[in-house]
Protein backbone atom coordinates (compact mmCIF):
# COMPACT_ATOMS: atom_id res chain seq x y z
CA MET A 1 83.21 -51.39 -160.83
CA ASN A 2 81.47 -52.45 -157.61
CA ALA A 3 78.46 -50.73 -156.00
CA THR A 4 80.56 -48.58 -153.67
CA GLN A 5 82.74 -47.32 -156.50
CA ALA A 6 79.75 -46.59 -158.76
CA PHE A 7 78.02 -44.61 -156.03
CA SER A 8 81.20 -42.77 -155.04
CA GLN A 9 81.95 -41.73 -158.60
CA VAL A 10 78.60 -39.96 -159.01
CA ARG A 11 78.80 -38.43 -155.53
CA GLU A 12 82.25 -37.00 -156.26
CA LEU A 13 81.06 -35.50 -159.54
CA LEU A 14 78.34 -33.55 -157.72
CA LEU A 15 80.71 -32.41 -154.97
CA ARG A 16 83.24 -31.29 -157.59
CA HIS A 17 80.62 -29.24 -159.45
CA ARG A 18 78.94 -27.95 -156.31
CA THR A 19 78.60 -24.42 -157.72
CA ASP A 20 78.63 -25.24 -161.45
CA TYR A 21 75.00 -26.06 -162.19
CA GLU A 22 75.38 -26.46 -165.95
CA ALA A 23 78.30 -28.90 -165.64
CA ALA A 24 76.57 -30.94 -162.92
CA VAL A 25 73.35 -31.31 -164.94
CA LYS A 26 75.19 -32.12 -168.16
CA GLN A 27 77.55 -34.73 -166.71
CA PHE A 28 75.27 -36.35 -164.13
CA ALA A 29 73.83 -39.82 -164.65
CA TRP A 30 72.33 -42.05 -161.98
CA PRO A 31 74.68 -44.94 -161.09
CA ARG A 32 73.86 -48.44 -162.30
CA LEU A 33 73.82 -50.76 -159.31
CA PRO A 34 73.33 -54.52 -159.80
CA ARG A 35 73.05 -54.88 -156.02
CA PHE A 36 73.14 -52.23 -153.33
CA ASN A 37 72.76 -51.76 -149.60
CA TRP A 38 73.55 -48.15 -148.68
CA ALA A 39 74.27 -48.94 -145.01
CA ILE A 40 76.83 -51.58 -145.96
CA ASP A 41 78.12 -50.56 -149.38
CA TRP A 42 78.40 -46.85 -148.63
CA PHE A 43 78.14 -46.01 -144.93
CA ASP A 44 80.26 -48.88 -143.58
CA GLU A 45 82.90 -48.36 -146.25
CA TYR A 46 83.05 -44.62 -145.62
CA ALA A 47 83.09 -45.20 -141.86
CA ARG A 48 86.00 -47.64 -141.87
CA GLY A 49 88.57 -46.08 -139.52
CA ASN A 50 86.77 -42.73 -139.76
CA THR A 51 86.89 -41.00 -136.37
CA ARG A 52 85.18 -37.78 -137.47
CA THR A 53 81.88 -36.98 -135.74
CA ALA A 54 78.97 -38.30 -137.79
CA LEU A 55 76.18 -37.26 -135.43
CA ARG A 56 75.88 -34.85 -132.50
CA ILE A 57 72.62 -34.42 -130.58
CA VAL A 58 72.10 -31.50 -128.19
CA HIS A 59 69.33 -32.42 -125.73
CA ASP A 60 67.59 -29.53 -123.98
CA GLY A 61 64.79 -29.80 -121.47
CA GLY A 62 66.46 -31.02 -118.28
CA ASP A 63 68.34 -29.08 -115.62
CA LYS A 64 71.05 -28.37 -118.14
CA PRO A 65 71.70 -29.26 -121.79
CA ARG A 66 73.48 -32.53 -122.48
CA GLU A 67 75.14 -33.83 -125.60
CA VAL A 68 75.68 -37.23 -127.14
CA SER A 69 77.75 -37.87 -130.22
CA ALA A 70 79.14 -40.71 -132.28
CA THR A 71 81.80 -41.01 -134.95
CA PHE A 72 81.26 -42.67 -138.31
CA ALA A 73 83.25 -45.69 -137.12
CA GLU A 74 81.25 -45.96 -133.89
CA LEU A 75 77.90 -45.80 -135.68
CA SER A 76 79.05 -48.42 -138.15
CA GLU A 77 79.92 -50.83 -135.35
CA ARG A 78 76.87 -50.08 -133.20
CA SER A 79 74.45 -50.52 -136.08
CA THR A 80 76.07 -53.85 -136.99
CA ARG A 81 75.55 -55.03 -133.40
CA VAL A 82 71.90 -53.94 -133.58
CA ALA A 83 71.49 -55.74 -136.92
CA ASN A 84 72.94 -58.93 -135.47
CA TRP A 85 70.66 -58.76 -132.43
CA LEU A 86 67.57 -58.14 -134.54
CA HIS A 87 68.48 -61.01 -136.82
CA GLN A 88 68.83 -63.34 -133.82
CA ARG A 89 65.32 -62.30 -132.73
CA GLY A 90 63.82 -63.21 -136.08
CA VAL A 91 63.86 -59.97 -138.06
CA GLU A 92 64.27 -61.03 -141.67
CA LYS A 93 64.78 -59.31 -144.99
CA GLY A 94 61.50 -57.67 -146.02
CA ASP A 95 60.02 -57.62 -142.51
CA ARG A 96 58.23 -54.37 -141.59
CA VAL A 97 59.62 -52.49 -138.60
CA LEU A 98 57.69 -49.58 -137.07
CA VAL A 99 60.08 -46.96 -135.64
CA MET A 100 58.47 -44.44 -133.28
CA LEU A 101 61.37 -42.51 -131.78
CA PRO A 102 62.25 -38.86 -131.19
CA ASN A 103 65.66 -37.37 -131.99
CA THR A 104 67.67 -39.82 -129.94
CA LEU A 105 70.88 -41.69 -130.82
CA PRO A 106 69.18 -45.14 -131.03
CA LEU A 107 67.09 -43.83 -133.96
CA TRP A 108 70.17 -43.61 -136.19
CA GLU A 109 71.64 -46.89 -134.87
CA LEU A 110 68.36 -48.68 -135.51
CA MET A 111 67.86 -47.20 -139.00
CA LEU A 112 71.32 -48.30 -140.12
CA GLY A 113 70.98 -51.70 -138.47
CA ALA A 114 67.60 -52.48 -140.00
CA MET A 115 68.89 -51.40 -143.42
CA LYS A 116 71.76 -53.84 -143.16
CA LEU A 117 69.25 -56.67 -142.77
CA GLY A 118 67.11 -55.52 -145.68
CA ALA A 119 64.17 -54.89 -143.34
CA VAL A 120 61.52 -52.34 -144.33
CA ILE A 121 61.41 -49.34 -142.00
CA ILE A 122 58.13 -47.52 -141.29
CA PRO A 123 59.03 -44.16 -139.68
CA ALA A 124 56.35 -42.85 -137.32
CA THR A 125 56.07 -39.67 -135.28
CA THR A 126 55.62 -40.09 -131.53
CA GLN A 127 52.50 -37.90 -131.82
CA LEU A 128 50.46 -40.61 -133.54
CA THR A 129 47.25 -41.71 -131.87
CA ARG A 130 46.35 -45.32 -131.19
CA ASP A 131 43.97 -45.25 -134.17
CA ASP A 132 46.81 -43.94 -136.38
CA LEU A 133 49.01 -46.78 -135.19
CA ALA A 134 46.32 -49.40 -135.78
CA ASP A 135 46.08 -48.19 -139.39
CA ARG A 136 49.85 -48.35 -139.88
CA ILE A 137 50.21 -51.76 -138.28
CA SER A 138 47.37 -53.19 -140.35
CA ARG A 139 48.03 -51.62 -143.75
CA GLY A 140 51.80 -51.69 -143.26
CA ASN A 141 51.82 -55.35 -142.17
CA VAL A 142 54.06 -54.44 -139.22
CA ARG A 143 55.66 -57.26 -137.24
CA HIS A 144 58.32 -55.46 -135.18
CA ALA A 145 58.34 -52.14 -133.30
CA VAL A 146 60.86 -49.82 -131.70
CA ALA A 147 59.39 -47.04 -129.56
CA GLU A 148 60.27 -44.48 -126.92
CA ALA A 149 59.15 -45.49 -123.44
CA SER A 150 56.71 -42.57 -123.11
CA VAL A 151 54.69 -43.74 -126.12
CA ALA A 152 55.25 -47.50 -126.09
CA GLY A 153 51.98 -47.99 -124.18
CA LYS A 154 50.07 -46.91 -127.29
CA LEU A 155 51.16 -50.19 -128.89
CA ALA A 156 49.71 -52.40 -126.14
CA GLY A 157 47.38 -55.10 -127.41
CA PHE A 158 48.79 -55.35 -130.91
CA ASP A 159 49.59 -59.05 -130.72
CA VAL A 160 51.04 -59.20 -134.25
CA LEU A 161 54.20 -57.48 -132.95
CA ARG A 162 56.83 -60.16 -132.47
CA THR A 163 59.70 -57.86 -131.47
CA ARG A 164 59.33 -54.86 -129.14
CA LEU A 165 62.31 -52.64 -128.34
CA VAL A 166 61.92 -49.71 -125.95
CA VAL A 167 64.21 -46.67 -125.73
CA GLY A 168 64.70 -44.34 -122.77
CA GLY A 169 62.95 -46.34 -120.06
CA SER A 170 61.08 -49.57 -119.51
CA GLU A 171 57.71 -51.01 -120.45
CA PRO A 172 56.23 -54.41 -119.52
CA GLY A 173 56.74 -56.92 -122.31
CA TRP A 174 59.38 -54.79 -124.03
CA THR A 175 63.16 -55.25 -124.32
CA ALA A 176 65.49 -52.34 -123.52
CA PHE A 177 67.35 -51.05 -126.56
CA ASP A 178 70.65 -51.31 -124.66
CA GLU A 179 70.34 -55.08 -124.96
CA ALA A 180 70.28 -54.79 -128.76
CA ARG A 181 73.53 -52.85 -128.59
CA GLY A 182 75.07 -55.99 -127.10
CA GLY A 183 74.78 -58.00 -130.29
CA LYS A 184 77.87 -59.38 -132.02
CA ASN A 185 79.96 -57.01 -134.11
CA GLU A 186 79.52 -59.03 -137.29
CA LEU A 187 76.99 -58.88 -140.06
CA PRO A 188 74.66 -61.89 -140.05
CA SER A 189 74.60 -63.99 -143.17
CA ARG A 190 71.67 -62.89 -145.28
CA GLU A 191 70.53 -62.62 -148.86
CA PRO A 192 72.07 -59.53 -150.51
CA THR A 193 69.69 -56.65 -151.19
CA ALA A 194 68.87 -55.62 -154.76
CA PRO A 195 68.47 -51.93 -155.64
CA ASP A 196 64.71 -52.34 -156.09
CA ASP A 197 64.15 -54.16 -152.80
CA PRO A 198 61.87 -52.20 -150.43
CA LEU A 199 63.51 -50.10 -147.72
CA LEU A 200 61.17 -47.37 -146.45
CA LEU A 201 57.40 -47.16 -146.20
CA TYR A 202 56.01 -43.68 -145.49
CA PHE A 203 52.47 -42.83 -144.54
CA THR A 204 51.97 -39.36 -145.98
CA SER A 205 50.68 -36.59 -143.75
CA GLY A 206 47.19 -36.69 -145.24
CA THR A 207 46.40 -32.99 -145.76
CA THR A 208 43.51 -33.86 -148.06
CA ALA A 209 42.74 -37.56 -147.59
CA ARG A 210 43.58 -40.80 -145.79
CA PRO A 211 47.38 -41.26 -145.69
CA LYS A 212 48.92 -42.89 -148.74
CA LEU A 213 51.61 -45.56 -148.39
CA VAL A 214 54.71 -44.39 -150.24
CA LEU A 215 57.24 -47.15 -150.87
CA HIS A 216 60.93 -46.39 -151.37
CA THR A 217 63.66 -48.83 -152.27
CA GLN A 218 67.29 -49.53 -151.40
CA GLN A 219 68.25 -46.97 -154.04
CA SER A 220 65.37 -44.48 -154.43
CA TYR A 221 66.03 -42.61 -151.18
CA PRO A 222 69.66 -43.52 -150.33
CA VAL A 223 71.00 -42.87 -153.85
CA GLY A 224 68.22 -40.51 -154.88
CA HIS A 225 69.23 -38.07 -152.16
CA LEU A 226 72.38 -37.24 -154.08
CA SER A 227 70.11 -34.58 -155.63
CA THR A 228 69.27 -33.29 -152.14
CA MET A 229 72.94 -33.25 -151.19
CA TYR A 230 73.63 -31.14 -154.27
CA TRP A 231 70.77 -28.72 -153.55
CA ILE A 232 71.93 -28.18 -149.96
CA GLY A 233 75.47 -27.54 -151.15
CA MET A 234 77.27 -29.55 -148.49
CA ARG A 235 80.99 -30.12 -148.40
CA GLU A 236 82.69 -33.10 -146.84
CA GLY A 237 83.31 -32.32 -143.17
CA ASP A 238 80.57 -29.66 -142.91
CA VAL A 239 78.32 -29.47 -139.87
CA HIS A 240 74.74 -29.65 -141.13
CA GLU A 241 71.66 -28.86 -139.05
CA ASN A 242 68.17 -29.78 -140.19
CA ILE A 243 65.22 -28.75 -138.07
CA SER A 244 62.77 -31.57 -138.57
CA SER A 245 60.89 -34.18 -136.56
CA PRO A 246 61.49 -37.91 -136.99
CA GLY A 247 58.72 -39.85 -138.66
CA TRP A 248 58.51 -37.65 -141.74
CA ALA A 249 60.33 -37.81 -145.05
CA LYS A 250 62.21 -34.52 -144.53
CA HIS A 251 64.02 -36.07 -141.57
CA ALA A 252 65.39 -38.80 -143.83
CA TRP A 253 66.20 -36.18 -146.46
CA SER A 254 68.39 -33.90 -144.37
CA SER A 255 69.04 -35.66 -141.08
CA PHE A 256 70.19 -38.94 -142.59
CA PHE A 257 70.88 -39.59 -146.27
CA ALA A 258 71.93 -36.26 -147.79
CA PRO A 259 74.54 -35.25 -145.15
CA TRP A 260 76.05 -38.73 -144.92
CA ASN A 261 76.15 -38.99 -148.70
CA ALA A 262 78.36 -35.89 -148.54
CA GLY A 263 80.38 -37.02 -145.52
CA ALA A 264 79.02 -34.17 -143.39
CA SER A 265 78.35 -34.22 -139.66
CA ILE A 266 74.70 -34.06 -138.59
CA LEU A 267 73.77 -31.69 -135.76
CA VAL A 268 70.41 -32.30 -134.09
CA HIS A 269 68.81 -29.99 -131.55
CA ASP A 270 66.34 -31.96 -129.43
CA ALA A 271 64.18 -29.60 -127.39
CA PRO A 272 60.66 -29.72 -125.89
CA ARG A 273 59.69 -26.63 -127.89
CA PHE A 274 61.30 -24.48 -130.52
CA ASN A 275 63.35 -21.56 -129.20
CA ALA A 276 64.59 -19.17 -131.89
CA ALA A 277 67.25 -17.51 -129.72
CA ARG A 278 68.65 -20.89 -128.65
CA THR A 279 68.71 -22.08 -132.26
CA ILE A 280 70.68 -19.02 -133.37
CA GLY A 281 73.09 -19.52 -130.46
CA LEU A 282 73.76 -23.13 -131.49
CA LEU A 283 74.62 -22.05 -135.03
CA ARG A 284 77.54 -20.13 -133.56
CA GLU A 285 78.45 -22.58 -130.81
CA LYS A 286 78.54 -25.68 -133.05
CA SER A 287 80.02 -24.05 -136.19
CA VAL A 288 77.05 -24.95 -138.38
CA ALA A 289 77.86 -24.55 -142.09
CA THR A 290 74.52 -25.54 -143.65
CA LEU A 291 71.07 -25.05 -142.14
CA CYS A 292 67.71 -26.27 -143.42
CA CYS A 293 64.42 -25.19 -141.80
CA PRO A 294 60.74 -25.38 -142.71
CA PRO A 295 59.04 -22.05 -143.47
CA THR A 296 57.29 -21.95 -140.08
CA VAL A 297 60.67 -22.01 -138.33
CA TRP A 298 62.11 -19.30 -140.58
CA ARG A 299 59.11 -17.10 -139.81
CA MET A 300 59.81 -17.55 -136.09
CA LEU A 301 63.54 -16.94 -136.48
CA VAL A 302 63.04 -13.54 -138.10
CA LEU A 303 61.03 -12.41 -135.06
CA GLU A 304 64.29 -12.68 -133.07
CA ASP A 305 67.31 -10.43 -133.26
CA GLN A 306 69.52 -12.49 -135.57
CA GLY A 307 72.69 -10.63 -134.61
CA ALA A 308 75.85 -10.97 -136.66
CA ARG A 309 76.22 -13.81 -139.12
CA PRO A 310 77.50 -17.00 -137.42
CA ALA A 311 81.11 -17.43 -138.54
CA ALA A 312 80.87 -20.87 -140.19
CA LEU A 313 77.40 -20.42 -141.72
CA ARG A 314 77.47 -20.69 -145.52
CA GLU A 315 74.21 -22.18 -146.85
CA LEU A 316 70.59 -21.58 -145.78
CA LEU A 317 67.74 -23.73 -147.08
CA SER A 318 63.96 -23.91 -146.81
CA ALA A 319 61.63 -26.72 -147.83
CA GLY A 320 58.22 -28.13 -147.09
CA GLU A 321 56.11 -25.20 -148.26
CA PRO A 322 57.14 -22.07 -150.19
CA LEU A 323 58.83 -19.38 -148.11
CA ASN A 324 57.56 -15.81 -148.25
CA PRO A 325 59.94 -13.32 -149.93
CA GLU A 326 59.75 -10.94 -146.94
CA VAL A 327 61.38 -13.55 -144.70
CA ILE A 328 64.14 -14.22 -147.22
CA GLU A 329 64.89 -10.50 -147.44
CA LYS A 330 65.08 -10.10 -143.64
CA VAL A 331 67.64 -12.90 -143.31
CA GLN A 332 69.61 -11.54 -146.27
CA ARG A 333 69.84 -8.15 -144.59
CA ALA A 334 70.93 -9.66 -141.26
CA TRP A 335 73.41 -12.34 -142.39
CA GLY A 336 74.20 -11.59 -146.02
CA ILE A 337 73.03 -15.07 -147.07
CA THR A 338 70.02 -15.76 -149.27
CA ILE A 339 67.78 -18.62 -148.16
CA ARG A 340 67.55 -21.02 -151.08
CA ASP A 341 64.20 -22.68 -151.64
CA GLY A 342 63.79 -26.21 -152.92
CA TYR A 343 61.00 -28.55 -153.86
CA GLY A 344 60.34 -32.25 -153.48
CA GLN A 345 57.85 -34.65 -151.95
CA THR A 346 57.66 -37.72 -149.74
CA GLU A 347 57.41 -39.55 -153.08
CA THR A 348 60.71 -38.12 -154.34
CA THR A 349 63.98 -36.56 -153.31
CA ALA A 350 64.73 -32.90 -154.13
CA GLN A 351 63.52 -32.34 -157.71
CA ILE A 352 63.84 -28.57 -158.09
CA GLY A 353 66.04 -26.15 -156.19
CA ASN A 354 68.15 -23.04 -156.11
CA SER A 355 71.57 -24.66 -156.04
CA PRO A 356 74.72 -22.99 -154.60
CA GLY A 357 76.41 -20.24 -156.55
CA GLN A 358 73.54 -19.72 -158.99
CA PRO A 359 71.51 -16.55 -159.60
CA ILE A 360 68.42 -16.55 -157.41
CA LYS A 361 65.10 -15.09 -158.47
CA LEU A 362 63.17 -14.08 -155.39
CA GLY A 363 60.03 -16.16 -155.08
CA SER A 364 61.30 -18.90 -157.40
CA MET A 365 62.14 -22.35 -156.09
CA GLY A 366 64.89 -22.75 -158.71
CA ARG A 367 65.62 -25.10 -161.58
CA ALA A 368 65.47 -28.85 -162.14
CA LEU A 369 68.19 -30.59 -160.12
CA PRO A 370 70.66 -33.13 -161.56
CA GLY A 371 68.91 -36.39 -162.36
CA TYR A 372 65.45 -34.89 -162.86
CA GLN A 373 63.74 -33.79 -166.07
CA VAL A 374 60.80 -31.57 -165.11
CA ALA A 375 57.82 -30.63 -167.26
CA LEU A 376 54.64 -28.63 -166.63
CA LEU A 377 51.41 -30.19 -167.89
CA ASP A 378 48.25 -28.22 -168.65
CA ALA A 379 44.68 -29.45 -168.06
CA ASN A 380 44.89 -31.50 -171.29
CA GLY A 381 48.16 -33.18 -170.33
CA LYS A 382 50.14 -31.08 -172.80
CA GLU A 383 53.45 -29.46 -171.92
CA ALA A 384 53.20 -25.77 -171.15
CA ASP A 385 54.88 -22.98 -169.20
CA GLU A 386 52.21 -23.16 -166.50
CA GLY A 387 50.64 -26.30 -165.10
CA GLU A 388 51.14 -29.37 -162.96
CA ILE A 389 54.73 -30.20 -162.03
CA ALA A 390 55.59 -33.56 -163.61
CA LEU A 391 58.71 -35.70 -163.94
CA ARG A 392 59.65 -37.41 -167.20
CA LEU A 393 59.86 -41.16 -166.72
CA ASP A 394 62.18 -41.82 -169.67
CA PRO A 395 64.67 -42.16 -168.14
CA ARG A 396 63.05 -42.78 -164.78
CA PRO A 397 64.67 -40.70 -162.03
CA LEU A 398 66.21 -42.88 -159.35
CA GLY A 399 64.82 -40.66 -156.59
CA LEU A 400 61.19 -41.47 -157.43
CA MET A 401 59.25 -43.88 -155.21
CA ALA A 402 58.53 -47.42 -156.36
CA GLY A 403 54.82 -46.60 -156.04
CA TYR A 404 51.89 -46.45 -153.65
CA LEU A 405 51.83 -49.75 -151.78
CA ASP A 406 48.82 -51.97 -152.48
CA ASP A 407 47.25 -49.27 -154.65
CA PRO A 408 48.22 -49.97 -158.28
CA GLY A 409 45.37 -47.80 -159.55
CA ARG A 410 46.68 -44.74 -157.73
CA THR A 411 50.24 -45.51 -158.87
CA GLN A 412 49.11 -45.90 -162.48
CA ALA A 413 47.14 -42.64 -162.35
CA ALA A 414 50.16 -40.79 -160.97
CA THR A 415 52.51 -42.17 -163.64
CA ALA A 416 50.29 -42.26 -166.76
CA GLY A 417 51.47 -40.92 -170.09
CA GLY A 418 55.19 -41.14 -169.38
CA PHE A 419 55.15 -38.64 -166.50
CA TYR A 420 54.96 -38.77 -162.73
CA ARG A 421 52.41 -36.14 -161.71
CA THR A 422 53.07 -34.36 -158.43
CA GLY A 423 49.68 -32.70 -157.92
CA ASP A 424 51.46 -29.34 -157.45
CA GLU A 425 51.24 -26.42 -159.86
CA ALA A 426 53.96 -24.00 -160.98
CA VAL A 427 54.97 -21.56 -163.68
CA ARG A 428 58.31 -21.61 -165.54
CA ASP A 429 60.13 -18.60 -166.97
CA LYS A 430 62.38 -18.39 -170.03
CA ASP A 431 65.48 -19.25 -167.94
CA GLY A 432 64.00 -22.49 -166.61
CA TYR A 433 63.17 -21.19 -163.13
CA TYR A 434 60.03 -22.58 -161.51
CA THR A 435 57.72 -20.60 -159.24
CA TYR A 436 55.30 -22.49 -157.04
CA VAL A 437 51.61 -21.70 -157.49
CA GLY A 438 49.97 -24.16 -155.08
CA ARG A 439 48.52 -27.60 -154.68
CA GLY A 440 46.25 -28.48 -157.53
CA ASP A 441 43.42 -28.84 -155.02
CA ASP A 442 44.32 -25.56 -153.23
CA VAL A 443 44.26 -23.35 -156.34
CA PHE A 444 40.72 -22.05 -156.79
CA LYS A 445 38.69 -19.82 -159.07
CA SER A 446 37.02 -16.51 -158.25
CA SER A 447 34.98 -14.84 -161.01
CA ASP A 448 36.70 -17.27 -163.40
CA TYR A 449 40.19 -16.14 -162.31
CA ARG A 450 42.63 -18.72 -160.93
CA ILE A 451 43.79 -17.74 -157.44
CA SER A 452 47.03 -18.99 -155.87
CA PRO A 453 46.76 -19.13 -152.05
CA PHE A 454 50.52 -18.78 -151.69
CA GLU A 455 50.65 -15.50 -153.60
CA LEU A 456 48.01 -13.97 -151.35
CA GLU A 457 49.57 -15.40 -148.20
CA SER A 458 52.89 -13.80 -149.19
CA ALA A 459 51.16 -10.41 -149.39
CA LEU A 460 49.50 -10.94 -146.02
CA ILE A 461 52.67 -11.84 -144.19
CA GLU A 462 54.27 -8.56 -145.23
CA HIS A 463 51.94 -6.84 -142.75
CA PRO A 464 53.83 -6.29 -139.48
CA ALA A 465 51.05 -7.84 -137.36
CA VAL A 466 50.74 -11.12 -139.29
CA ALA A 467 52.77 -14.13 -138.15
CA GLU A 468 51.10 -16.76 -140.33
CA ALA A 469 48.17 -16.95 -142.73
CA ALA A 470 46.16 -19.41 -144.79
CA ILE A 471 44.01 -18.53 -147.81
CA ILE A 472 40.99 -20.62 -148.80
CA PRO A 473 37.98 -20.06 -151.09
CA SER A 474 34.84 -18.80 -149.36
CA PRO A 475 31.62 -19.60 -151.27
CA ASP A 476 30.03 -16.49 -152.77
CA PRO A 477 26.78 -16.24 -154.76
CA LEU A 478 28.17 -13.64 -157.16
CA ARG A 479 31.78 -14.63 -157.72
CA PHE A 480 31.41 -18.39 -157.07
CA SER A 481 34.08 -17.96 -154.40
CA VAL A 482 36.18 -15.18 -152.91
CA ALA A 483 39.51 -15.28 -151.11
CA LYS A 484 39.31 -15.57 -147.33
CA CYS A 485 42.28 -15.47 -145.00
CA PHE A 486 42.71 -17.11 -141.61
CA VAL A 487 45.31 -15.06 -139.75
CA VAL A 488 47.57 -15.81 -136.78
CA LEU A 489 48.90 -12.62 -135.21
CA LYS A 490 52.33 -11.97 -133.75
CA PRO A 491 52.33 -12.08 -129.92
CA GLU A 492 52.30 -8.32 -129.46
CA PHE A 493 49.05 -7.82 -131.45
CA GLN A 494 45.45 -8.49 -130.47
CA PRO A 495 42.48 -9.20 -132.77
CA SER A 496 40.15 -6.28 -133.43
CA ALA A 497 37.91 -4.82 -136.11
CA GLU A 498 40.41 -1.99 -136.55
CA LEU A 499 43.29 -4.39 -137.17
CA ALA A 500 41.18 -6.49 -139.55
CA ARG A 501 40.37 -3.38 -141.57
CA GLU A 502 44.03 -2.38 -141.63
CA ILE A 503 45.17 -5.78 -142.89
CA LEU A 504 42.45 -6.01 -145.54
CA PHE A 505 43.21 -2.54 -146.89
CA PHE A 506 46.95 -3.26 -146.70
CA THR A 507 46.57 -6.24 -149.05
CA LYS A 508 43.99 -4.43 -151.20
CA ALA A 509 46.65 -1.90 -152.10
CA ARG A 510 49.10 -4.65 -153.09
CA LEU A 511 46.96 -7.11 -155.02
CA ALA A 512 45.17 -6.95 -158.36
CA PRO A 513 41.42 -6.45 -157.91
CA TYR A 514 40.58 -10.02 -158.95
CA LYS A 515 42.97 -11.36 -156.27
CA ARG A 516 41.51 -9.20 -153.51
CA ILE A 517 41.16 -10.78 -150.06
CA ARG A 518 37.55 -10.10 -149.13
CA ARG A 519 37.16 -11.96 -145.84
CA LEU A 520 39.41 -12.27 -142.80
CA GLU A 521 39.21 -14.31 -139.62
CA PHE A 522 41.59 -14.27 -136.67
CA ALA A 523 42.09 -17.91 -135.66
CA GLU A 524 44.59 -20.64 -134.98
CA LEU A 525 45.53 -22.69 -138.03
CA PRO A 526 44.83 -26.44 -137.98
CA LYS A 527 47.93 -28.38 -138.97
CA THR A 528 49.00 -31.92 -139.63
CA ILE A 529 51.44 -33.35 -137.11
CA SER A 530 54.18 -32.71 -139.68
CA GLY A 531 53.35 -28.98 -139.49
CA LYS A 532 51.52 -28.46 -142.80
CA ILE A 533 48.42 -26.29 -142.76
CA ARG A 534 45.23 -28.34 -143.19
CA ARG A 535 43.51 -26.08 -145.70
CA VAL A 536 41.08 -28.91 -146.44
CA GLN A 537 39.75 -28.55 -142.87
CA LEU A 538 39.42 -24.79 -143.24
CA ARG A 539 37.62 -25.17 -146.57
CA ALA A 540 35.11 -27.60 -145.05
CA LEU A 541 34.51 -25.26 -142.10
CA GLU A 542 33.96 -22.31 -144.41
CA LYS A 543 31.59 -24.24 -146.68
CA ASP A 544 29.43 -25.22 -143.68
CA ARG A 545 29.41 -21.66 -142.35
CA ARG A 546 28.36 -20.14 -145.64
CA ALA A 547 25.61 -22.72 -146.03
CA ALA A 548 24.33 -21.78 -142.57
CA GLY A 549 24.78 -18.05 -143.16
CA LYS A 550 27.09 -17.69 -140.17
CA ARG A 551 30.42 -15.98 -139.53
CA GLY A 552 33.25 -16.82 -137.18
CA GLU A 553 33.47 -15.00 -133.84
CA GLN A 554 36.36 -12.86 -135.07
CA GLU A 555 35.54 -12.69 -138.76
CA TYR A 556 35.41 -9.48 -140.78
CA TRP A 557 34.50 -8.76 -144.41
CA LEU A 558 36.00 -6.16 -146.68
CA GLU A 559 32.54 -4.97 -147.73
CA ASP A 560 31.79 -4.05 -144.11
CA PHE A 561 34.59 -1.49 -144.19
CA GLU A 562 34.24 -0.40 -147.83
CA SER A 563 30.71 0.84 -147.20
CA ALA A 564 32.21 3.33 -144.74
CA SER A 565 35.45 3.94 -146.72
CA PRO A 566 35.01 4.42 -150.47
CA GLY A 567 37.63 2.89 -152.75
């Protein structure tokens, strides 16, 4: 059995048992691949003579929307031409290629083409600063770059870059991407890629520290995302939309590997800013069957009138951070579909999820997905029903990273004792469903009680004025720390002492006394450029304020109101 057949066999098993979780978990085994190049052994084979649309991009922002699309066969040919051109310019197997592109067709052509050569791709958001890029070029040992014209200037002066391709314009010293499309339609002779050869190098978003370098191989993400395909519940021929920005792992998850593993068509909406009404309109117009959004987008969508359920829509997904139950219930009432949560990391593919056709427990992120054996470890490293989410390494799941590049100590610490430790905490019920508690470094203690920020944030967002919230510990001389919320209001509300009191008493009535939110501040939330709340920044701000005995300009404390309102 060759690599294509081995991969196809496992893929077909998961598609066949799309709604039969028990059968999928019982029968699934990762394929054994003596050599493998996903772009050649899977994509090119699947694309041979395949005239179905593989990718459609709707570009907004000009005088009128415009669309570009490509079939599987067209993308196969175009990426081979790009691979040939890159090879002629000296891009070799193992070379590091920085890719700083928005949602534009050349991104997919370049990704496939670089894969075919065995090059190592370093995805990068266009929002990176010059200092960010200097770090990536140095630590990532980058020698080639592909960038959009509007940001290519940030890479001026980096003389180590031997190849510079520019998309969507021109830049002195750069070659237009259209020239790369003129390469020969034949794969250059090269050394075959092994499954463990490097493929992707991600710099994590750095919510708590300097970005880590996460290394994935020719099989860990391409083959590993069979678990993500299963969680999403795609069918061959589906139209799948994923709302995500290039440069981050979730884009590779749901805008590249998972849909093309299934043989689905990828729909991308490229717009200067998110527009909920436009997004809902495209679901109907483009017959979207499966939709995946981060929680921030879902919270914005429910502020719109969702209208009737789009005719083709079948599966709704959320990932990135836990989604508040109130939002799930609103969408369920409007469209009759329950948003299914899932869990994974840059370091892995989807590990845990509510898969199609299975009972859903509101607030739970589901059960272990095929190919993953999940355990919870307590503070002593013993298995328990509450603790750190960990993956058994015997057998090692194929969707797990190779490790943290050039940091064997960090890799060893994360994989000690026969488990990969995620750093996230959860609880598991008797049916094997996991409920997210929080990051290990976000969970905090108040009067010796463990407090989950997510649980409190879920209570906050049920208030009709609250659009988004972040909970952090605020130092307190009596309780060690108390829960403080930073709140972003919906557009129709304005900050005031009266509203602060209302929100604090609203949550007081819904939370156990030890979980009580005792401080509130109206403020914008600092976020990473991938959209995750930087609670570490809020914690540092709050620590400095408490040390100085100061409050924020729009900060209110529960005790201020309780002195005037008993109870």
